[in-house]
N, C-alpha and C. Protein backbone atom coordinates (compact mmCIF):
# COMPACT_ATOMS: atom_id res chain seq x y z
N MET A 1 162.74 160.27 55.56
CA MET A 1 162.52 160.43 56.67
C MET A 1 161.38 159.61 57.06
N SER A 2 161.68 158.67 58.22
CA SER A 2 160.76 157.84 58.65
C SER A 2 159.76 158.75 59.77
N GLU A 3 158.53 158.33 59.93
CA GLU A 3 157.60 158.59 60.74
C GLU A 3 156.79 157.68 61.33
N ILE A 4 156.33 158.02 62.67
CA ILE A 4 155.53 156.99 63.07
C ILE A 4 154.16 157.98 63.90
N TYR A 5 152.88 157.27 63.89
CA TYR A 5 152.02 158.05 64.48
C TYR A 5 151.02 156.73 64.81
N VAL A 6 150.14 157.14 65.69
CA VAL A 6 148.89 156.53 66.27
C VAL A 6 147.67 156.81 65.90
N ALA A 7 146.93 155.87 65.63
CA ALA A 7 145.48 155.80 65.06
C ALA A 7 144.87 155.13 65.93
N VAL A 8 143.49 155.38 65.86
CA VAL A 8 142.37 154.73 66.60
C VAL A 8 141.25 154.50 65.67
N LYS A 9 140.42 153.30 65.90
CA LYS A 9 139.22 152.81 65.28
C LYS A 9 138.40 152.39 66.10
N ALA A 10 137.09 152.56 65.70
CA ALA A 10 135.67 151.95 66.30
C ALA A 10 135.14 151.05 65.76
N VAL A 11 134.71 149.95 66.56
CA VAL A 11 133.65 148.90 66.04
C VAL A 11 132.67 149.75 66.69
N VAL A 12 131.57 150.28 66.08
CA VAL A 12 130.31 150.92 66.50
C VAL A 12 129.31 150.02 66.31
N MET A 13 128.66 149.69 67.68
CA MET A 13 127.53 148.68 67.63
C MET A 13 126.30 149.47 68.00
N LYS A 14 125.27 149.03 67.41
CA LYS A 14 123.78 149.30 67.25
C LYS A 14 123.09 148.21 67.34
N ASP A 15 122.50 147.82 68.44
CA ASP A 15 121.82 146.67 68.37
C ASP A 15 122.40 145.54 68.31
N ASP A 16 122.42 144.34 67.38
CA ASP A 16 123.51 143.51 67.06
C ASP A 16 124.29 143.46 65.82
N LYS A 17 124.19 144.79 65.47
CA LYS A 17 124.87 145.18 64.23
C LYS A 17 125.89 146.14 64.43
N PHE A 18 126.93 146.24 63.40
CA PHE A 18 127.97 147.32 63.72
C PHE A 18 128.38 147.95 62.21
N LEU A 19 129.00 149.21 62.32
CA LEU A 19 128.93 149.94 61.13
C LEU A 19 130.15 149.75 60.49
N ILE A 20 129.92 149.61 59.16
CA ILE A 20 131.07 149.67 58.06
C ILE A 20 130.86 150.75 57.17
N ILE A 21 132.18 151.51 56.74
CA ILE A 21 131.99 152.68 55.88
C ILE A 21 132.94 152.20 54.58
N LYS A 22 132.54 152.73 53.34
CA LYS A 22 133.25 152.32 52.11
C LYS A 22 134.12 153.52 52.02
N ARG A 23 135.77 153.29 52.03
CA ARG A 23 136.58 154.15 51.63
C ARG A 23 136.41 154.75 50.18
N ASN A 24 136.44 156.15 50.02
CA ASN A 24 136.75 156.69 48.64
C ASN A 24 137.97 156.16 47.84
N SER A 25 137.62 155.85 46.69
CA SER A 25 138.49 155.19 45.82
C SER A 25 139.90 156.16 45.75
N SER A 26 139.79 157.52 46.08
CA SER A 26 141.02 158.12 46.04
C SER A 26 141.87 158.31 47.11
N GLU A 27 141.52 157.34 48.23
CA GLU A 27 142.16 157.42 49.39
C GLU A 27 143.57 156.53 49.11
N ASP A 28 144.54 156.88 50.00
CA ASP A 28 145.88 156.26 49.75
C ASP A 28 146.18 155.03 50.26
N VAL A 29 145.46 154.72 51.18
CA VAL A 29 145.61 153.19 51.91
C VAL A 29 144.05 152.52 51.71
N TYR A 30 144.17 151.17 51.56
CA TYR A 30 142.79 150.54 51.03
C TYR A 30 141.70 151.08 50.34
N SER A 31 142.05 152.13 49.30
CA SER A 31 141.02 152.73 48.63
C SER A 31 140.05 151.62 48.05
N GLY A 32 138.52 152.24 48.00
CA GLY A 32 137.40 151.56 47.79
C GLY A 32 136.96 150.29 48.40
N GLU A 33 137.74 149.96 49.58
CA GLU A 33 137.30 149.15 50.47
C GLU A 33 136.34 149.46 51.58
N TRP A 34 135.70 148.58 52.31
CA TRP A 34 135.25 148.66 53.45
C TRP A 34 135.92 148.68 54.65
N ASP A 35 135.65 149.55 55.88
CA ASP A 35 136.40 149.97 56.83
C ASP A 35 135.32 150.06 58.13
N ILE A 36 136.25 150.22 59.28
CA ILE A 36 135.42 150.89 60.31
C ILE A 36 136.03 152.11 60.62
N PRO A 37 135.17 153.19 61.20
CA PRO A 37 135.51 154.75 61.49
C PRO A 37 136.70 154.84 62.31
N GLY A 38 137.63 155.89 62.09
CA GLY A 38 138.81 156.04 63.06
C GLY A 38 139.75 156.80 62.16
N GLY A 39 140.86 157.38 62.95
CA GLY A 39 141.94 158.03 62.46
C GLY A 39 142.87 158.19 63.33
N LYS A 40 143.53 159.38 62.81
CA LYS A 40 144.99 159.74 63.30
C LYS A 40 144.76 160.41 64.64
N VAL A 41 145.23 160.08 65.72
CA VAL A 41 145.38 160.90 67.01
C VAL A 41 146.22 162.17 66.69
N MET A 42 145.82 163.38 66.92
CA MET A 42 146.79 164.53 67.02
C MET A 42 147.70 164.84 68.12
N PHE A 43 148.77 165.28 67.75
CA PHE A 43 149.69 165.74 69.05
C PHE A 43 148.94 166.33 70.02
N GLY A 44 149.28 165.79 71.33
CA GLY A 44 148.54 166.39 72.46
C GLY A 44 146.98 165.85 72.67
N GLU A 45 146.40 165.10 71.68
CA GLU A 45 144.96 165.00 71.99
C GLU A 45 145.01 163.38 72.75
N ASP A 46 143.92 163.55 73.58
CA ASP A 46 143.81 162.08 74.27
C ASP A 46 143.13 161.11 73.22
N PRO A 47 143.61 159.93 73.25
CA PRO A 47 143.04 158.76 72.20
C PRO A 47 141.54 158.66 72.22
N LEU A 48 140.66 158.60 73.39
CA LEU A 48 139.22 158.42 73.36
C LEU A 48 138.90 159.82 73.03
N GLY A 49 139.31 160.93 73.17
CA GLY A 49 138.84 161.98 72.54
C GLY A 49 138.76 162.05 70.97
N ALA A 50 140.06 161.56 70.50
CA ALA A 50 140.40 161.40 68.84
C ALA A 50 139.53 160.64 68.33
N LEU A 51 139.24 159.25 69.18
CA LEU A 51 138.26 158.50 68.48
C LEU A 51 136.84 159.01 68.32
N LYS A 52 136.35 159.92 69.40
CA LYS A 52 135.07 160.43 69.21
C LYS A 52 135.14 161.35 68.19
N ARG A 53 135.98 162.18 68.15
CA ARG A 53 136.30 163.24 66.97
C ARG A 53 136.25 162.77 65.62
N GLU A 54 136.92 161.58 65.46
CA GLU A 54 136.87 161.02 64.19
C GLU A 54 135.70 160.50 63.81
N VAL A 55 135.14 159.65 64.70
CA VAL A 55 133.67 159.11 64.37
C VAL A 55 132.86 160.03 63.86
N LYS A 56 132.76 161.19 64.50
CA LYS A 56 131.94 162.39 64.51
C LYS A 56 132.14 163.08 62.80
N GLU A 57 133.39 163.29 62.80
CA GLU A 57 133.95 163.69 61.50
C GLU A 57 133.78 162.71 60.22
N GLU A 58 134.06 161.61 60.46
CA GLU A 58 133.56 160.45 59.31
C GLU A 58 132.15 160.16 59.20
N CYS A 59 131.50 160.30 60.45
CA CYS A 59 130.00 159.60 60.28
C CYS A 59 128.94 160.33 60.83
N GLY A 60 129.24 161.48 61.41
CA GLY A 60 128.28 162.27 62.05
C GLY A 60 127.84 161.60 63.40
N LEU A 61 128.47 160.66 63.96
CA LEU A 61 127.62 159.98 65.25
C LEU A 61 128.31 160.24 66.51
N GLU A 62 127.83 160.30 67.52
CA GLU A 62 128.34 160.40 68.87
C GLU A 62 128.20 158.88 69.22
N ILE A 63 129.53 158.63 69.92
CA ILE A 63 129.73 157.18 70.44
C ILE A 63 130.35 157.31 71.83
N GLU A 64 130.36 156.12 72.52
CA GLU A 64 130.81 155.91 73.91
C GLU A 64 131.88 154.91 73.57
N PRO A 65 133.05 154.99 73.54
CA PRO A 65 134.09 153.73 73.74
C PRO A 65 133.77 152.94 75.03
N ILE A 66 133.79 151.85 74.69
CA ILE A 66 133.46 150.89 75.82
C ILE A 66 134.68 150.16 76.40
N LYS A 67 135.60 149.61 75.48
CA LYS A 67 136.85 149.04 75.68
C LYS A 67 137.91 149.01 74.54
N PRO A 68 139.21 148.85 74.94
CA PRO A 68 140.06 148.53 73.74
C PRO A 68 139.92 146.80 73.43
N ILE A 69 140.00 146.64 72.24
CA ILE A 69 139.74 145.09 71.66
C ILE A 69 141.02 144.80 71.02
N ASP A 70 141.80 145.38 70.31
CA ASP A 70 143.05 145.25 69.45
C ASP A 70 143.96 146.17 69.34
N VAL A 71 145.30 146.02 69.47
CA VAL A 71 146.34 146.86 68.95
C VAL A 71 146.99 146.41 67.64
N TRP A 72 147.36 147.09 66.89
CA TRP A 72 147.94 146.59 65.67
C TRP A 72 148.63 147.68 64.76
N THR A 73 149.56 147.30 63.71
CA THR A 73 150.39 148.18 63.33
C THR A 73 150.53 147.87 61.91
N PHE A 74 150.69 148.71 60.86
CA PHE A 74 151.05 148.59 59.52
C PHE A 74 151.98 149.60 58.95
N PHE A 75 152.52 149.53 57.95
CA PHE A 75 153.61 150.37 57.13
C PHE A 75 152.91 150.89 56.05
N LYS A 76 153.13 152.32 55.64
CA LYS A 76 152.80 152.66 54.40
C LYS A 76 153.62 153.65 53.85
N ASN A 77 153.47 154.38 52.84
CA ASN A 77 154.44 155.40 52.02
C ASN A 77 155.71 154.63 51.84
N ASN A 78 155.76 153.36 51.17
CA ASN A 78 156.87 152.61 51.01
C ASN A 78 157.85 152.36 52.17
N GLU A 79 157.09 151.92 53.10
CA GLU A 79 157.65 151.62 54.49
C GLU A 79 158.36 152.69 55.34
N GLN A 80 157.95 154.02 54.82
CA GLN A 80 158.63 155.12 55.48
C GLN A 80 157.69 155.63 56.64
N THR A 81 156.54 155.12 56.81
CA THR A 81 155.46 155.39 58.00
C THR A 81 154.99 154.54 58.66
N GLN A 82 155.16 154.37 59.85
CA GLN A 82 154.64 153.22 60.75
C GLN A 82 153.13 153.78 61.49
N VAL A 83 152.19 153.21 61.23
CA VAL A 83 150.94 153.55 62.10
C VAL A 83 150.67 152.36 62.98
N ILE A 84 150.70 152.86 64.35
CA ILE A 84 150.20 151.96 65.34
C ILE A 84 148.86 152.34 65.68
N GLY A 85 148.09 151.47 65.78
CA GLY A 85 146.67 151.42 66.32
C GLY A 85 146.08 150.82 67.41
N ILE A 86 145.02 151.29 67.81
CA ILE A 86 144.32 150.92 68.96
C ILE A 86 142.72 150.80 68.28
N THR A 87 141.98 149.57 68.35
CA THR A 87 140.85 149.35 68.02
C THR A 87 139.94 149.40 69.15
N PHE A 88 138.82 150.07 69.20
CA PHE A 88 137.75 150.05 70.59
C PHE A 88 136.51 149.49 70.02
N LEU A 89 135.75 148.76 71.04
CA LEU A 89 134.39 148.64 70.85
C LEU A 89 133.88 149.65 71.41
N SER A 90 132.79 150.26 70.74
CA SER A 90 132.13 151.47 71.08
C SER A 90 130.70 151.33 70.78
N LYS A 91 129.67 151.68 71.47
CA LYS A 91 128.24 151.79 71.17
C LYS A 91 127.72 153.27 70.77
N LEU A 92 126.70 153.12 70.07
CA LEU A 92 126.35 154.31 69.33
C LEU A 92 125.34 154.96 70.47
N ILE A 93 125.69 156.42 70.56
CA ILE A 93 124.81 157.06 71.62
C ILE A 93 124.01 157.79 70.97
N SER A 94 123.99 158.84 69.70
CA SER A 94 123.09 159.53 69.07
C SER A 94 123.65 159.88 67.61
N GLY A 95 122.91 160.31 66.88
CA GLY A 95 123.23 160.96 65.45
C GLY A 95 122.53 160.09 64.28
N ASN A 96 122.78 160.53 63.38
CA ASN A 96 122.43 160.04 62.08
C ASN A 96 123.67 160.10 61.20
N ILE A 97 123.72 159.00 60.36
CA ILE A 97 124.83 158.81 59.28
C ILE A 97 124.95 160.14 58.40
N LYS A 98 126.09 160.74 58.43
CA LYS A 98 126.60 161.75 57.49
C LYS A 98 127.88 161.70 57.23
N LEU A 99 127.94 160.98 55.97
CA LEU A 99 129.66 160.66 55.65
C LEU A 99 130.40 161.78 55.24
N GLY A 100 131.69 161.98 55.68
CA GLY A 100 132.50 163.02 55.06
C GLY A 100 133.03 162.68 53.84
N ASP A 101 134.02 163.42 53.14
CA ASP A 101 134.43 163.25 51.97
C ASP A 101 135.21 161.76 51.77
N GLU A 102 135.77 161.43 52.79
CA GLU A 102 136.74 160.22 52.83
C GLU A 102 135.90 158.84 52.35
N HIS A 103 134.63 158.98 52.52
CA HIS A 103 133.66 157.55 52.36
C HIS A 103 132.70 157.85 51.63
N THR A 104 132.18 156.87 50.87
CA THR A 104 131.04 157.00 49.74
C THR A 104 129.84 155.88 50.12
N ASN A 105 129.81 155.35 51.29
CA ASN A 105 128.80 154.49 51.55
C ASN A 105 128.86 153.89 53.13
N TYR A 106 127.74 153.38 53.50
CA TYR A 106 127.86 152.88 54.87
C TYR A 106 126.60 151.74 55.06
N LYS A 107 126.99 150.79 56.09
CA LYS A 107 125.99 149.78 56.13
C LYS A 107 126.34 149.58 57.61
N TRP A 108 125.02 148.91 58.28
CA TRP A 108 125.12 148.28 59.51
C TRP A 108 124.89 146.92 59.39
N ILE A 109 125.77 146.06 59.54
CA ILE A 109 125.85 144.71 59.22
C ILE A 109 125.82 143.68 60.45
N GLU A 110 125.47 142.39 60.18
CA GLU A 110 125.78 141.48 61.08
C GLU A 110 127.05 140.81 61.15
N PHE A 111 127.28 140.20 62.16
CA PHE A 111 128.58 139.50 62.31
C PHE A 111 128.71 138.51 61.12
N SER A 112 127.63 137.76 60.85
CA SER A 112 127.58 136.95 59.82
C SER A 112 128.08 137.14 58.51
N GLU A 113 127.64 138.53 58.30
CA GLU A 113 127.90 139.05 56.70
C GLU A 113 129.42 139.48 56.57
N ILE A 114 130.12 139.61 57.49
CA ILE A 114 131.59 140.24 57.42
C ILE A 114 132.16 139.82 56.08
N ASP A 115 132.06 138.16 55.69
CA ASP A 115 132.78 137.93 54.38
C ASP A 115 132.17 138.22 53.09
N SER A 116 131.02 138.97 53.11
CA SER A 116 130.46 139.37 52.05
C SER A 116 130.98 140.73 51.62
N TYR A 117 132.11 141.40 52.26
CA TYR A 117 132.50 142.56 51.96
C TYR A 117 133.96 142.75 51.89
N LYS A 118 134.81 143.23 51.05
CA LYS A 118 136.04 143.46 50.89
C LYS A 118 136.46 144.48 51.92
N ILE A 119 136.79 143.77 53.15
CA ILE A 119 137.26 144.47 54.35
C ILE A 119 138.82 143.88 54.66
N HIS A 120 139.51 144.65 55.28
CA HIS A 120 140.97 144.15 55.50
C HIS A 120 140.96 143.12 56.53
N LYS A 121 141.80 141.93 55.98
CA LYS A 121 141.75 140.75 57.01
C LYS A 121 141.98 141.35 58.53
N GLY A 122 142.70 142.12 58.85
CA GLY A 122 142.82 142.47 60.35
C GLY A 122 141.70 142.72 60.90
N ILE A 123 140.98 143.81 60.11
CA ILE A 123 139.63 144.16 60.67
C ILE A 123 138.59 142.84 60.94
N LYS A 124 138.55 142.08 59.74
CA LYS A 124 137.91 141.11 60.14
C LYS A 124 138.02 140.29 61.22
N ASN A 125 139.44 139.80 61.54
CA ASN A 125 139.62 139.10 62.64
C ASN A 125 139.35 139.91 64.01
N ILE A 126 139.46 141.30 64.02
CA ILE A 126 138.89 141.96 65.18
C ILE A 126 137.45 141.64 65.31
N ILE A 127 136.70 141.81 64.21
CA ILE A 127 135.23 141.59 64.07
C ILE A 127 134.77 140.39 64.67
N ARG A 128 135.50 139.24 64.08
CA ARG A 128 135.34 137.50 64.59
C ARG A 128 135.37 137.68 66.13
N LYS A 129 136.22 138.38 66.64
CA LYS A 129 136.53 138.30 68.21
C LYS A 129 135.37 138.69 68.89
N LEU A 130 134.44 139.71 68.30
CA LEU A 130 133.31 140.24 69.11
C LEU A 130 132.13 139.66 68.79
N LYS A 131 131.91 138.33 67.75
CA LYS A 131 130.57 138.34 67.64
C LYS A 131 129.72 137.82 68.62
N ASN A 132 130.46 137.35 69.69
CA ASN A 132 129.42 136.85 71.01
C ASN A 132 129.20 137.93 71.93
N PHE A 133 129.84 139.22 71.58
CA PHE A 133 129.44 140.12 72.74
C PHE A 133 128.60 141.38 72.41
N SER A 134 127.77 141.70 73.26
CA SER A 134 126.81 142.73 72.85
C SER A 134 126.90 143.82 74.02
N VAL A 135 126.70 145.19 73.50
CA VAL A 135 126.66 146.14 74.18
C VAL A 135 125.25 146.97 74.59
């Protein structure tokens, strides 16, 4: 049976750097790769509320979404599940990094460092669009 769901992601900015988090090697999609925080929107949940919840759960941070910067889609589970996502530019409000079980490491990096990390090309393209933007 086919399934579709909505996901949200955050490019979390602090000064002139943004947050990347390393996915656990046991994750079902892009395991062991660097990513940006985010996740699934639950039924009935406001997308911005879901974004704040996901970043808090994954990283322990409070954020303020600034604006949507990209809409994307991909398929998983042998093309049986379609994920439709929205990525938001966000700024750090407060908190200290405390990673959940899904991630093993984090870094605040500059735009020029993006190619030094194994990050999905779609995320890299989103980041490249933002290199001259500050919050």
